[in-house]
Amino acid sequence: MKAIVIGAGLGGLLSAARLSKSGYQVDVFERLPITGGRFTNLSYKGFQLSSGAFHILPHGPAGPLAHFLKEVGADVKIVRSDITTVRVPLKKGSQDYEKGFKDISFTDFSTLLSHKDRLKIALLIVSTRKNRPTGSSLQAWIRSQFKDEWLVKFADAFCGWSLSLKSDEVPVEEIFEIIENMYRFGGPGVPIGGCKGVIDALESVIAAHDGKIHTETEVSKILVENGKAVGVLVGEEAYKADLIISDLGHAATACICEEVLSGEKDSGYLKILETLKPSAGIKICLAADEPLVGHSGVLLTPYAKRVNGINEVTQVDPGLAPPGKHLTMSHQYVAPENVKNLEAEIELGLQDLKEIFPNKKYEVLLTQSYHDNWPVNRAASGKDPGNETPIPGLYVVGDGAKRKGGIEVEGVALGVAATMKKILG
């Protein structure tokens, strides 16, 4: 059996590794000169910066991505982060960092609430595990249950960090799926070697099973015969296959199937694609001689103007920075109306970092923005159309086709696993 994978991002390489190990003859076509897409390393001044996703797996060594890597035989060591914290002002409600702040454990967020609201949170945690709320955004649901704006700030920081969305853009049912996965798999972890450590391991699996990865090779068209995907067009050459996996997202995949996806039976699918909104974000990479965060987990910053969360992966893997240096990276959500004014958004993020790390010395290595055709996610979490398409033999994987409750790369892995189950049984 022959399979073609379009795109050598994380979703494409996970698919190629699984299919090649299952006996498929696999060819991967990638238009860029590198593999990994937004999940690899960029070497800069001796630091290993990530091209997109942070060097962190949201559910660490027990999560869906770690499980999939083990299943295909990809040799990646993942170290569980020690703690995730939330930075809050010492005076509740204050946004003036100069008056002092403290870091509390992520699991202690409710200690900033009144005794009555803490009891309500405890009851809701128990009751909603079986009867989950639906039909509203997370923010609307929070405001229907509580009067404390702290919970909205906390939700915005968490959603901004993990999904690059605000809490009023995330369906409440998606957040409860995420919470369930946090119970099931635990918190974050760091892969040794960063993102590229994962990509290199997957490439080794593909090569060991005679799969081929073609870089600087762009697929211009998906070939369809009698309503079924049968191959791709690369330049003037046609490559036939029994199965096509696209890591381009649904909208871009539809563009190279445009004349096919035009019938009445496909109209519902095309209407869904019109509603997909890529999420945007900014990452700021810092170099320092001393730790800024001081632990290997995530530091959430709900009282910052723009920055949602920060991590310092050199606490686990010093090899991601030159000897004696630390690599710290912040992430901030960018609202759709602010995408055209990224310089101002970056400046607000830089101001946040000065306030979050007062009296600390650091160098801004690089600022990276993700939007439009190079977004954080090609479809907002909880709103993508899944992995199937109206064309038999054509599936979509990656950040535009995650499964419910999957944070970033964990959702990518869940989507690939579900797709492989449909294909391989």
Protein backbone atom coordinates (compact mmCIF):
# COMPACT_ATOMS: atom_id res chain seq x y z
CA MET A 1 0.00 0.00 0.00
CA LYS A 2 1.22 3.49 -0.89
CA ALA A 3 0.65 6.63 1.23
CA ILE A 4 1.55 10.24 0.51
CA VAL A 5 1.84 12.80 3.29
CA ILE A 6 1.65 16.49 2.35
CA GLY A 7 3.66 18.54 4.83
CA ALA A 8 6.43 17.49 7.22
CA GLY A 9 5.12 19.25 10.31
CA LEU A 10 4.50 17.32 13.52
CA GLY A 11 1.15 15.92 12.34
CA GLY A 12 2.59 14.84 9.00
CA LEU A 13 5.62 13.13 10.50
CA LEU A 14 3.56 11.38 13.20
CA SER A 15 1.31 10.03 10.43
CA ALA A 16 4.23 9.00 8.25
CA ALA A 17 5.96 7.20 11.14
CA ARG A 18 2.81 5.25 12.02
CA LEU A 19 1.98 4.32 8.43
CA SER A 20 5.54 3.33 7.52
CA LYS A 21 5.75 1.14 10.60
CA SER A 22 2.46 -0.50 9.56
CA GLY A 23 3.82 -1.56 6.20
CA TYR A 24 2.85 1.38 3.98
CA GLN A 25 5.31 2.75 1.45
CA VAL A 26 5.39 6.41 2.49
CA ASP A 27 6.51 9.57 0.72
CA VAL A 28 6.41 12.92 2.56
CA PHE A 29 6.46 16.13 0.50
CA GLU A 30 7.49 19.35 2.26
CA ARG A 31 7.72 22.71 0.49
CA LEU A 32 10.22 24.17 3.01
CA PRO A 33 13.93 23.27 3.11
CA ILE A 34 13.51 21.99 6.68
CA THR A 35 11.20 19.53 8.40
CA GLY A 36 9.14 20.11 11.54
CA GLY A 37 7.27 23.23 10.47
CA ARG A 38 6.30 25.10 13.63
CA PHE A 39 7.72 22.30 15.77
CA THR A 40 11.48 22.31 15.36
CA ASN A 41 14.58 24.21 16.52
CA LEU A 42 16.18 27.34 15.10
CA SER A 43 19.81 27.78 16.04
CA TYR A 44 20.50 31.42 16.98
CA LYS A 45 23.50 32.79 18.89
CA GLY A 46 24.09 29.33 20.34
CA PHE A 47 20.49 29.02 21.56
CA GLN A 48 18.00 26.46 20.26
CA LEU A 49 14.89 28.57 19.73
CA SER A 50 11.67 26.89 18.68
CA SER A 51 10.18 27.67 15.26
CA GLY A 52 6.70 27.80 16.74
CA ALA A 53 5.51 25.58 19.57
CA PHE A 54 7.52 25.86 22.78
CA HIS A 55 9.97 23.14 23.79
CA ILE A 56 7.27 21.77 26.06
CA LEU A 57 4.60 19.08 25.86
CA PRO A 58 1.43 20.11 27.73
CA HIS A 59 0.94 16.63 29.26
CA GLY A 60 4.57 15.59 29.53
CA PRO A 61 5.69 11.94 29.53
CA ALA A 62 2.18 10.53 30.11
CA GLY A 63 0.33 12.54 27.47
CA PRO A 64 -1.05 11.61 24.02
CA LEU A 65 2.05 12.78 22.13
CA ALA A 66 4.43 10.89 24.42
CA HIS A 67 2.23 7.77 24.10
CA PHE A 68 2.20 8.02 20.30
CA LEU A 69 5.98 8.45 20.18
CA LYS A 70 6.43 5.29 22.24
CA GLU A 71 3.95 3.42 20.04
CA VAL A 72 5.91 4.13 16.85
CA GLY A 73 9.28 3.55 18.53
CA ALA A 74 10.52 7.16 18.46
CA ASP A 75 13.28 7.48 21.05
CA VAL A 76 12.53 10.71 22.94
CA LYS A 77 13.23 11.39 26.61
CA ILE A 78 10.56 13.61 28.17
CA VAL A 79 11.10 15.07 31.65
CA ARG A 80 8.07 16.05 33.71
CA SER A 81 8.09 19.72 34.79
CA ASP A 82 8.35 20.25 38.52
CA ILE A 83 5.56 22.82 38.97
CA THR A 84 3.31 25.30 37.16
CA THR A 85 2.77 28.64 38.88
CA VAL A 86 0.62 31.77 38.61
CA ARG A 87 2.05 35.22 39.32
CA VAL A 88 -0.35 37.45 41.24
CA PRO A 89 -0.05 40.81 43.03
CA LEU A 90 0.33 40.65 46.81
CA LYS A 91 -2.65 42.97 47.06
CA LYS A 92 -5.64 41.27 45.46
CA GLY A 93 -6.83 43.14 42.38
CA SER A 94 -3.74 45.32 42.10
CA GLN A 95 -2.00 45.51 38.76
CA ASP A 96 0.98 47.46 40.12
CA TYR A 97 3.89 44.99 40.23
CA GLU A 98 6.08 47.48 42.11
CA LYS A 99 3.99 46.85 45.22
CA GLY A 100 5.10 43.24 45.15
CA PHE A 101 3.85 39.91 43.82
CA LYS A 102 3.97 36.26 44.63
CA ASP A 103 3.87 33.01 42.70
CA ILE A 104 1.25 30.48 43.71
CA SER A 105 0.84 26.91 42.49
CA PHE A 106 -1.50 26.49 39.51
CA THR A 107 -3.65 24.16 41.62
CA ASP A 108 -4.04 26.86 44.30
CA PHE A 109 -5.78 29.40 42.06
CA SER A 110 -8.97 29.18 44.12
CA THR A 111 -7.20 30.47 47.27
CA LEU A 112 -7.66 34.00 45.89
CA LEU A 113 -11.44 33.57 46.03
CA SER A 114 -13.82 34.08 48.92
CA HIS A 115 -14.55 31.09 51.16
CA LYS A 116 -18.03 30.84 49.61
CA ASP A 117 -16.67 30.76 46.06
CA ARG A 118 -14.01 28.22 47.03
CA LEU A 119 -16.73 25.88 48.25
CA LYS A 120 -18.68 26.46 45.04
CA ILE A 121 -15.59 25.65 42.94
CA ALA A 122 -15.13 22.39 44.87
CA LEU A 123 -18.76 21.39 44.27
CA LEU A 124 -18.60 22.31 40.58
CA ILE A 125 -15.44 20.26 40.07
CA VAL A 126 -17.28 17.19 41.34
CA SER A 127 -20.62 17.80 39.61
CA THR A 128 -19.32 18.89 36.21
CA ARG A 129 -17.20 15.79 35.65
CA LYS A 130 -20.43 14.00 34.74
CA ASN A 131 -22.74 16.87 33.80
CA ARG A 132 -20.60 19.25 31.80
CA PRO A 133 -21.87 22.70 30.84
CA THR A 134 -22.39 23.39 27.13
CA GLY A 135 -23.59 26.10 24.80
CA SER A 136 -21.56 29.09 25.92
CA SER A 137 -18.03 30.42 26.06
CA LEU A 138 -15.86 29.69 29.08
CA GLN A 139 -15.97 33.36 30.09
CA ALA A 140 -19.78 33.55 29.90
CA TRP A 141 -20.05 30.39 32.01
CA ILE A 142 -17.64 31.72 34.65
CA ARG A 143 -19.59 34.99 34.91
CA SER A 144 -22.84 33.05 35.26
CA GLN A 145 -21.41 31.23 38.29
CA PHE A 146 -19.11 33.77 39.99
CA LYS A 147 -18.81 37.52 40.51
CA ASP A 148 -15.03 37.57 40.94
CA GLU A 149 -13.10 38.96 37.95
CA TRP A 150 -9.98 37.10 39.16
CA LEU A 151 -11.36 33.91 37.60
CA VAL A 152 -11.76 35.65 34.22
CA LYS A 153 -8.16 36.91 34.37
CA PHE A 154 -6.97 33.42 35.32
CA ALA A 155 -9.01 31.86 32.49
CA ASP A 156 -7.70 34.39 29.97
CA ALA A 157 -4.09 33.68 30.97
CA PHE A 158 -4.58 29.92 30.74
CA CYS A 159 -6.45 30.07 27.41
CA GLY A 160 -4.00 32.63 26.01
CA TRP A 161 -1.03 30.44 26.92
CA SER A 162 -2.43 27.05 25.94
CA LEU A 163 -4.74 27.90 23.01
CA SER A 164 -3.83 31.46 21.94
CA LEU A 165 -7.42 32.51 22.54
CA LYS A 166 -9.29 34.54 25.13
CA SER A 167 -11.74 32.82 27.43
CA ASP A 168 -14.69 34.35 25.57
CA GLU A 169 -13.55 32.60 22.37
CA VAL A 170 -13.30 29.08 23.78
CA PRO A 171 -16.38 26.82 24.10
CA VAL A 172 -16.87 25.87 27.74
CA GLU A 173 -17.18 22.19 26.78
CA GLU A 174 -13.69 22.31 25.23
CA ILE A 175 -12.18 23.59 28.48
CA PHE A 176 -13.84 20.83 30.47
CA GLU A 177 -12.38 18.27 28.04
CA ILE A 178 -8.98 19.88 28.62
CA ILE A 179 -9.46 19.73 32.40
CA GLU A 180 -10.36 16.05 32.13
CA ASN A 181 -7.15 15.42 30.19
CA MET A 182 -5.17 17.27 32.85
CA TYR A 183 -6.56 14.84 35.43
CA ARG A 184 -5.84 11.90 33.13
CA PHE A 185 -2.34 12.75 31.88
CA GLY A 186 -0.90 15.31 34.27
CA GLY A 187 1.00 18.51 33.64
CA PRO A 188 3.72 19.58 31.21
CA GLY A 189 7.12 18.16 30.43
CA VAL A 190 10.15 19.02 28.32
CA PRO A 191 11.53 16.75 25.55
CA ILE A 192 15.32 16.57 25.68
CA GLY A 193 16.63 18.28 22.57
CA GLY A 194 13.50 20.43 22.41
CA CYS A 195 11.08 20.22 19.50
CA LYS A 196 13.80 19.01 17.14
CA GLY A 197 14.51 16.07 19.44
CA VAL A 198 10.99 14.85 18.65
CA ILE A 199 11.27 15.59 14.92
CA ASP A 200 14.65 13.84 14.59
CA ALA A 201 13.30 10.75 16.35
CA LEU A 202 10.29 10.58 14.02
CA GLU A 203 12.51 10.97 10.95
CA SER A 204 14.62 8.06 12.20
CA VAL A 205 11.52 5.85 12.45
CA ILE A 206 10.40 6.82 8.94
CA ALA A 207 13.86 6.17 7.47
CA ALA A 208 14.15 2.82 9.29
CA HIS A 209 11.01 1.65 7.46
CA ASP A 210 12.16 2.94 4.07
CA GLY A 211 9.95 6.02 4.07
CA LYS A 212 11.15 9.07 2.14
CA ILE A 213 10.97 12.77 3.01
CA HIS A 214 11.30 15.21 0.10
CA THR A 215 12.05 18.80 1.20
CA GLU A 216 11.71 21.86 -1.06
CA THR A 217 9.04 19.91 -2.90
CA GLU A 218 5.58 21.47 -3.04
CA VAL A 219 2.36 19.62 -3.85
CA SER A 220 0.29 21.79 -6.17
CA LYS A 221 -2.75 19.58 -6.51
CA ILE A 222 -4.45 16.56 -4.99
CA LEU A 223 -5.53 14.18 -7.74
CA VAL A 224 -9.06 12.81 -7.50
CA GLU A 225 -10.58 10.13 -9.71
CA ASN A 226 -14.16 8.85 -9.43
CA GLY A 227 -14.57 10.88 -6.25
CA LYS A 228 -11.56 9.33 -4.48
CA ALA A 229 -8.12 10.78 -3.74
CA VAL A 230 -5.57 8.84 -5.82
CA GLY A 231 -2.40 10.92 -5.72
CA VAL A 232 -0.76 14.33 -5.91
CA LEU A 233 0.82 16.57 -8.50
CA VAL A 234 4.34 17.88 -7.84
CA GLY A 235 5.44 20.21 -10.60
CA GLU A 236 4.58 18.31 -13.78
CA GLU A 237 4.91 14.88 -12.17
CA ALA A 238 2.00 12.87 -10.80
CA TYR A 239 2.55 10.55 -7.81
CA LYS A 240 -0.17 7.94 -7.30
CA ALA A 241 -1.14 6.56 -3.88
CA ASP A 242 -3.84 4.61 -2.05
CA LEU A 243 -4.03 7.19 0.73
CA ILE A 244 -3.35 10.93 1.11
CA ILE A 245 -2.69 12.62 4.46
CA SER A 246 -2.55 16.43 4.47
CA ASP A 247 -0.80 18.37 7.23
CA LEU A 248 -1.80 21.70 5.66
CA GLY A 249 -5.05 22.27 7.53
CA HIS A 250 -8.52 21.96 6.03
CA ALA A 251 -8.64 25.32 4.23
CA ALA A 252 -5.29 24.93 2.45
CA THR A 253 -6.11 21.32 1.61
CA ALA A 254 -9.40 22.41 0.07
CA CYS A 255 -7.54 24.99 -2.06
CA ILE A 256 -5.61 22.27 -3.87
CA CYS A 257 -8.85 20.27 -4.29
CA GLU A 258 -10.87 23.32 -5.27
CA GLU A 259 -12.46 22.07 -8.46
CA VAL A 260 -13.40 18.81 -6.76
CA LEU A 261 -14.90 20.29 -3.59
CA SER A 262 -17.64 22.12 -5.45
CA GLY A 263 -20.59 19.75 -5.51
CA GLU A 264 -23.77 20.09 -3.49
CA LYS A 265 -22.71 17.26 -1.15
CA ASP A 266 -19.60 19.25 -0.18
CA SER A 267 -21.36 22.56 0.53
CA GLY A 268 -21.69 21.90 4.27
CA TYR A 269 -17.98 21.14 4.57
CA LEU A 270 -17.04 24.27 2.62
CA LYS A 271 -19.27 26.42 4.82
CA ILE A 272 -17.49 25.06 7.88
CA LEU A 273 -14.15 26.00 6.32
CA GLU A 274 -15.34 29.59 5.88
CA THR A 275 -15.82 29.85 9.66
CA LEU A 276 -12.32 28.65 10.58
CA LYS A 277 -10.27 31.40 12.18
CA PRO A 278 -6.53 30.91 12.66
CA SER A 279 -5.29 32.02 16.08
CA ALA A 280 -2.43 34.51 16.35
CA GLY A 281 0.31 35.00 18.91
CA ILE A 282 3.72 36.48 19.72
CA LYS A 283 6.70 34.74 21.29
CA ILE A 284 9.57 36.65 22.89
CA CYS A 285 12.82 34.76 23.53
CA LEU A 286 15.12 35.93 26.33
CA ALA A 287 18.71 35.05 27.24
CA ALA A 288 19.91 35.43 30.82
CA ASP A 289 22.88 34.47 32.97
CA GLU A 290 20.61 33.53 35.86
CA PRO A 291 17.18 31.88 36.00
CA LEU A 292 14.25 34.23 35.47
CA VAL A 293 11.39 31.79 36.16
CA GLY A 294 13.32 29.41 38.39
CA HIS A 295 11.39 26.22 37.58
CA SER A 296 10.74 24.00 34.57
CA GLY A 297 6.99 24.46 34.32
CA VAL A 298 4.84 27.32 33.06
CA LEU A 299 4.52 30.68 34.81
CA LEU A 300 1.07 32.12 34.03
CA THR A 301 0.74 35.91 34.21
CA PRO A 302 -2.95 36.90 34.45
CA TYR A 303 -2.24 40.49 35.51
CA ALA A 304 0.08 41.34 32.63
CA LYS A 305 -1.12 43.58 29.80
CA ARG A 306 -0.33 41.07 27.07
CA VAL A 307 1.93 38.19 28.16
CA ASN A 308 -0.06 35.10 29.14
CA GLY A 309 2.66 32.68 30.18
CA ILE A 310 6.39 32.06 30.30
CA ASN A 311 8.61 28.98 30.48
CA GLU A 312 12.31 28.32 31.03
CA VAL A 313 13.20 24.99 29.43
CA THR A 314 16.90 25.19 30.29
CA GLN A 315 15.84 24.19 33.80
CA VAL A 316 15.47 20.70 32.28
CA ASP A 317 17.71 20.76 29.22
CA PRO A 318 20.70 23.13 29.55
CA GLY A 319 21.78 22.05 26.06
CA LEU A 320 19.13 24.37 24.57
CA ALA A 321 21.38 27.32 25.48
CA PRO A 322 25.13 28.04 25.52
CA PRO A 323 26.96 26.98 28.71
CA GLY A 324 25.95 29.06 31.71
CA LYS A 325 22.97 30.67 29.93
CA HIS A 326 19.23 30.28 30.36
CA LEU A 327 16.56 30.36 27.64
CA THR A 328 13.24 31.89 28.68
CA MET A 329 10.29 32.29 26.31
CA SER A 330 7.03 34.19 26.73
CA HIS A 331 3.82 33.83 24.76
CA GLN A 332 1.02 36.31 24.25
CA TYR A 333 -2.32 36.05 22.50
CA VAL A 334 -2.97 38.54 19.69
CA ALA A 335 -6.57 39.56 19.08
CA PRO A 336 -7.71 39.50 15.43
CA GLU A 337 -8.13 43.30 15.40
CA ASN A 338 -4.51 43.74 16.53
CA VAL A 339 -2.80 41.49 13.98
CA LYS A 340 -2.17 44.50 11.71
CA ASN A 341 -0.41 46.33 14.53
CA LEU A 342 2.08 43.71 15.70
CA GLU A 343 4.83 46.20 16.57
CA ALA A 344 2.61 47.79 19.22
CA GLU A 345 1.65 44.34 20.54
CA ILE A 346 5.31 43.34 20.80
CA GLU A 347 6.12 46.56 22.67
CA LEU A 348 3.36 45.84 25.20
CA GLY A 349 4.77 42.35 25.67
CA LEU A 350 8.27 43.77 26.26
CA GLN A 351 6.86 46.19 28.84
CA ASP A 352 5.18 43.25 30.59
CA LEU A 353 8.47 41.38 30.82
CA LYS A 354 10.16 44.37 32.45
CA GLU A 355 7.43 44.36 35.10
CA ILE A 356 7.35 40.59 35.52
CA PHE A 357 11.14 40.42 35.94
CA PRO A 358 12.05 43.67 37.73
CA ASN A 359 15.72 44.10 38.58
CA LYS A 360 16.61 41.10 36.38
CA LYS A 361 19.16 41.32 33.57
CA TYR A 362 18.32 39.65 30.28
CA GLU A 363 18.79 40.05 26.53
CA VAL A 364 15.91 39.93 24.07
CA LEU A 365 17.14 37.35 21.56
CA LEU A 366 14.27 37.30 19.12
CA THR A 367 10.59 38.15 18.78
CA GLN A 368 8.46 35.82 16.63
CA SER A 369 4.91 36.40 15.44
CA TYR A 370 2.39 33.80 14.26
CA HIS A 371 -0.62 34.81 12.17
CA ASP A 372 -2.39 34.41 8.82
CA ASN A 373 -0.66 31.59 6.87
CA TRP A 374 1.81 30.90 9.71
CA PRO A 375 -0.53 30.98 12.72
CA VAL A 376 -0.44 29.48 16.19
CA ASN A 377 -3.30 27.19 15.14
CA ARG A 378 -4.99 26.96 11.76
CA ALA A 379 -8.34 26.48 13.51
CA ALA A 380 -9.46 27.61 16.94
CA SER A 381 -9.45 24.84 19.54
CA GLY A 382 -12.82 23.17 19.92
CA LYS A 383 -14.04 24.45 16.55
CA ASP A 384 -12.15 22.49 13.90
CA PRO A 385 -13.96 19.98 11.65
CA GLY A 386 -12.00 16.87 12.64
CA ASN A 387 -9.75 14.75 10.45
CA GLU A 388 -12.04 13.50 7.68
CA THR A 389 -12.90 15.22 4.40
CA PRO A 390 -15.72 14.61 1.91
CA ILE A 391 -13.19 12.91 -0.38
CA PRO A 392 -12.54 9.23 0.44
CA GLY A 393 -8.88 8.48 0.92
CA LEU A 394 -8.03 12.06 1.97
CA TYR A 395 -7.50 12.99 5.63
CA VAL A 396 -6.31 16.14 7.37
CA VAL A 397 -4.05 16.16 10.43
CA GLY A 398 -2.13 18.82 12.36
CA ASP A 399 -3.05 21.93 14.31
CA GLY A 400 -6.09 22.56 12.11
CA ALA A 401 -7.56 19.15 12.91
CA LYS A 402 -7.01 18.43 16.59
CA ARG A 403 -9.29 16.32 18.75
CA LYS A 404 -11.39 17.74 21.57
CA GLY A 405 -9.57 18.56 24.77
CA GLY A 406 -6.15 18.43 23.14
CA ILE A 407 -3.87 21.33 24.02
CA GLU A 408 -1.68 22.24 21.05
CA VAL A 409 0.66 19.32 20.15
CA GLU A 410 -1.32 16.94 22.36
CA GLY A 411 -4.37 17.69 20.23
CA VAL A 412 -2.31 17.08 17.09
CA ALA A 413 -1.30 13.65 18.44
CA LEU A 414 -4.90 12.82 19.39
CA GLY A 415 -6.03 13.75 15.87
CA VAL A 416 -3.36 11.62 14.22
CA ALA A 417 -4.15 8.68 16.51
CA ALA A 418 -7.86 8.90 15.63
CA THR A 419 -7.03 9.10 11.92
CA MET A 420 -4.73 6.09 12.09
CA LYS A 421 -7.43 4.13 13.89
CA LYS A 422 -9.83 4.81 11.01
CA ILE A 423 -7.24 3.83 8.42
CA LEU A 424 -5.56 0.88 10.11
CA GLY A 425 -8.38 -0.34 12.35
